[in-house]
């Protein structure tokens, strides 16, 4: 892994950490979601400070270069987050449908009281 790439990865890691902390302070990001981004930034920082880890992993997985391993690893992390967000979205859709159904029943009862 080149020194320039290491420097860029370290800078990006710190930027992400600062950005996430700023969003937490302004109450624009839940702690649960922030933990994911902080861990991801920390892992990227570890990989950029200790390129031997990326070199070892790329050799183990027979990936051509450590930089490709880092990108593959980060894509994998984003896919995990995307899958979790899809699950959360499905749960929220289900809850919204149930809420709309309950509201419709309440409105129907209001419009047509049973006496």
C-alpha atoms as a PDB file:
ATOM      1  CA  UNK A   1       0.000   0.000   0.000  1.00  0.00           C
ATOM      2  CA  UNK A   2       1.457   3.327  -0.995  1.00  0.00           C
ATOM      3  CA  UNK A   3       2.207   6.074   1.495  1.00  0.00           C
ATOM      4  CA  UNK A   4      -0.150   8.453  -0.329  1.00  0.00           C
ATOM      5  CA  UNK A   5      -3.030   5.982   0.037  1.00  0.00           C
ATOM      6  CA  UNK A   6      -2.219   5.505   3.724  1.00  0.00           C
ATOM      7  CA  UNK A   7      -2.316   9.267   4.293  1.00  0.00           C
ATOM      8  CA  UNK A   8      -5.621   9.606   2.429  1.00  0.00           C
ATOM      9  CA  UNK A   9      -7.166   6.733   4.425  1.00  0.00           C
ATOM     10  CA  UNK A  10      -5.994   8.212   7.733  1.00  0.00           C
ATOM     11  CA  UNK A  11      -7.401  11.623   6.767  1.00  0.00           C
ATOM     12  CA  UNK A  12     -10.732  10.105   5.687  1.00  0.00           C
ATOM     13  CA  UNK A  13     -10.940   8.128   8.930  1.00  0.00           C
ATOM     14  CA  UNK A  14     -10.435  11.226  11.043  1.00  0.00           C
ATOM     15  CA  UNK A  15     -12.879  13.213   8.910  1.00  0.00           C
ATOM     16  CA  UNK A  16     -15.562  10.551   9.337  1.00  0.00           C
ATOM     17  CA  UNK A  17     -14.968  10.419  13.105  1.00  0.00           C
ATOM     18  CA  UNK A  18     -15.221  14.193  13.439  1.00  0.00           C
ATOM     19  CA  UNK A  19     -18.304  14.321  11.199  1.00  0.00           C
ATOM     20  CA  UNK A  20     -20.082  11.596  13.186  1.00  0.00           C
ATOM     21  CA  UNK A  21     -19.239  13.244  16.510  1.00  0.00           C
ATOM     22  CA  UNK A  22     -20.550  16.573  15.184  1.00  0.00           C
ATOM     23  CA  UNK A  23     -23.822  14.933  14.114  1.00  0.00           C
ATOM     24  CA  UNK A  24     -24.190  13.264  17.523  1.00  0.00           C
ATOM     25  CA  UNK A  25     -23.674  16.568  19.330  1.00  0.00           C
ATOM     26  CA  UNK A  26     -26.356  18.205  17.184  1.00  0.00           C
ATOM     27  CA  UNK A  27     -28.725  15.261  17.825  1.00  0.00           C
ATOM     28  CA  UNK A  28     -28.903  14.504  14.108  1.00  0.00           C
ATOM     29  CA  UNK A  29     -27.687  10.921  14.450  1.00  0.00           C
ATOM     30  CA  UNK A  30     -28.739   8.177  16.813  1.00  0.00           C
ATOM     31  CA  UNK A  31     -26.032   6.579  18.914  1.00  0.00           C
ATOM     32  CA  UNK A  32     -26.854   3.134  17.461  1.00  0.00           C
ATOM     33  CA  UNK A  33     -26.117   4.350  13.932  1.00  0.00           C
ATOM     34  CA  UNK A  34     -23.106   6.353  15.051  1.00  0.00           C
ATOM     35  CA  UNK A  35     -21.478   3.273  16.576  1.00  0.00           C
ATOM     36  CA  UNK A  36     -21.417   1.603  13.165  1.00  0.00           C
ATOM     37  CA  UNK A  37     -19.715   4.602  11.538  1.00  0.00           C
ATOM     38  CA  UNK A  38     -17.246   5.038  14.380  1.00  0.00           C
ATOM     39  CA  UNK A  39     -16.270   1.354  14.246  1.00  0.00           C
ATOM     40  CA  UNK A  40     -15.934   1.530  10.439  1.00  0.00           C
ATOM     41  CA  UNK A  41     -13.734   4.611  10.640  1.00  0.00           C
ATOM     42  CA  UNK A  42     -11.660   3.004  13.386  1.00  0.00           C
ATOM     43  CA  UNK A  43     -11.176  -0.172  11.313  1.00  0.00           C
ATOM     44  CA  UNK A  44     -10.148   1.916   8.311  1.00  0.00           C
ATOM     45  CA  UNK A  45      -7.714   3.813  10.528  1.00  0.00           C
ATOM     46  CA  UNK A  46      -6.211   0.546  11.807  1.00  0.00           C
ATOM     47  CA  UNK A  47      -5.849  -0.775   8.243  1.00  0.00           C
ATOM     48  CA  UNK A  48      -4.188   2.447   7.115  1.00  0.00           C
ATOM     49  CA  UNK A  49      -1.790   2.718  10.072  1.00  0.00           C
ATOM     50  CA  UNK A  50      -0.850  -0.967   9.969  1.00  0.00           C
ATOM     51  CA  UNK A  51      -0.767  -1.898   6.261  1.00  0.00           C
ATOM     52  CA  UNK A  52       0.709  -5.279   7.207  1.00  0.00           C
ATOM     53  CA  UNK A  53      -2.813  -6.384   8.117  1.00  0.00           C
ATOM     54  CA  UNK A  54      -4.079  -5.523   4.640  1.00  0.00           C
ATOM     55  CA  UNK A  55      -1.019  -7.133   3.042  1.00  0.00           C
ATOM     56  CA  UNK A  56      -1.520 -10.339   5.022  1.00  0.00           C
ATOM     57  CA  UNK A  57      -5.258 -10.463   4.309  1.00  0.00           C
ATOM     58  CA  UNK A  58      -4.792  -9.771   0.600  1.00  0.00           C
ATOM     59  CA  UNK A  59      -2.216 -12.559   0.343  1.00  0.00           C
ATOM     60  CA  UNK A  60      -4.453 -14.912   2.338  1.00  0.00           C
ATOM     61  CA  UNK A  61      -7.472 -14.201   0.126  1.00  0.00           C
ATOM     62  CA  UNK A  62      -5.321 -14.064  -3.030  1.00  0.00           C
ATOM     63  CA  UNK A  63      -6.280 -10.477  -3.829  1.00  0.00           C
ATOM     64  CA  UNK A  64      -3.835  -8.693  -6.135  1.00  0.00           C
ATOM     65  CA  UNK A  65      -3.043  -5.697  -3.948  1.00  0.00           C
ATOM     66  CA  UNK A  66      -3.636  -4.565  -0.366  1.00  0.00           C
ATOM     67  CA  UNK A  67      -5.434  -1.460  -1.666  1.00  0.00           C
ATOM     68  CA  UNK A  68      -7.970  -3.698  -3.393  1.00  0.00           C
ATOM     69  CA  UNK A  69      -8.472  -5.548  -0.114  1.00  0.00           C
ATOM     70  CA  UNK A  70      -9.124  -2.269   1.725  1.00  0.00           C
ATOM     71  CA  UNK A  71     -11.691  -1.215  -0.867  1.00  0.00           C
ATOM     72  CA  UNK A  72     -13.300  -4.655  -0.847  1.00  0.00           C
ATOM     73  CA  UNK A  73     -13.444  -4.600   2.951  1.00  0.00           C
ATOM     74  CA  UNK A  74     -15.101  -1.172   3.011  1.00  0.00           C
ATOM     75  CA  UNK A  75     -17.603  -2.207   0.323  1.00  0.00           C
ATOM     76  CA  UNK A  76     -18.446  -5.244   2.447  1.00  0.00           C
ATOM     77  CA  UNK A  77     -18.974  -2.999   5.495  1.00  0.00           C
ATOM     78  CA  UNK A  78     -21.284  -0.718   3.501  1.00  0.00           C
ATOM     79  CA  UNK A  79     -23.260  -3.718   2.232  1.00  0.00           C
ATOM     80  CA  UNK A  80     -23.773  -4.886   5.812  1.00  0.00           C
ATOM     81  CA  UNK A  81     -25.086  -1.434   6.734  1.00  0.00           C
ATOM     82  CA  UNK A  82     -27.319  -1.387   3.659  1.00  0.00           C
ATOM     83  CA  UNK A  83     -28.797  -4.755   4.593  1.00  0.00           C
ATOM     84  CA  UNK A  84     -29.478  -3.567   8.158  1.00  0.00           C
ATOM     85  CA  UNK A  85     -31.141  -0.429   6.810  1.00  0.00           C
ATOM     86  CA  UNK A  86     -33.320  -2.539   4.508  1.00  0.00           C
ATOM     87  CA  UNK A  87     -34.440  -4.594   7.507  1.00  0.00           C
ATOM     88  CA  UNK A  88     -35.217  -1.442   9.499  1.00  0.00           C
ATOM     89  CA  UNK A  89     -37.145  -0.016   6.548  1.00  0.00           C
ATOM     90  CA  UNK A  90     -39.221  -3.178   6.224  1.00  0.00           C
ATOM     91  CA  UNK A  91     -40.073  -3.086   9.932  1.00  0.00           C
ATOM     92  CA  UNK A  92     -41.057   0.579   9.687  1.00  0.00           C
ATOM     93  CA  UNK A  93     -43.242  -0.068   6.633  1.00  0.00           C
ATOM     94  CA  UNK A  94     -45.025  -2.835   8.516  1.00  0.00           C
ATOM     95  CA  UNK A  95     -45.559  -0.578  11.532  1.00  0.00           C
ATOM     96  CA  UNK A  96     -46.886   2.243   9.341  1.00  0.00           C
ATOM     97  CA  UNK A  97     -49.339  -0.121   7.634  1.00  0.00           C
ATOM     98  CA  UNK A  98     -50.622  -1.335  11.016  1.00  0.00           C
ATOM     99  CA  UNK A  99     -50.950   2.243  12.232  1.00  0.00           C
ATOM    100  CA  UNK A 100     -52.884   3.302   9.121  1.00  0.00           C
ATOM    101  CA  UNK A 101     -55.202   0.318   9.520  1.00  0.00           C
ATOM    102  CA  UNK A 102     -55.853   1.170  13.185  1.00  0.00           C
ATOM    103  CA  UNK A 103     -56.534   4.805  12.291  1.00  0.00           C
ATOM    104  CA  UNK A 104     -58.937   3.745   9.541  1.00  0.00           C
ATOM    105  CA  UNK A 105     -60.820   1.514  11.989  1.00  0.00           C
ATOM    106  CA  UNK A 106     -60.972   4.333  14.551  1.00  0.00           C
ATOM    107  CA  UNK A 107     -62.237   6.782  11.915  1.00  0.00           C
ATOM    108  CA  UNK A 108     -64.844   4.252  10.747  1.00  0.00           C
ATOM    109  CA  UNK A 109     -66.018   3.786  14.349  1.00  0.00           C
ATOM    110  CA  UNK A 110     -66.164   7.546  14.757  1.00  0.00           C
ATOM    111  CA  UNK A 111     -68.217   7.957  11.561  1.00  0.00           C
ATOM    112  CA  UNK A 112     -70.548   5.038  12.293  1.00  0.00           C
ATOM    113  CA  UNK A 113     -71.025   4.650  16.076  1.00  0.00           C
ATOM    114  CA  UNK A 114     -72.525   1.315  17.176  1.00  0.00           C
ATOM    115  CA  UNK A 115     -74.719   2.781  19.938  1.00  0.00           C
END
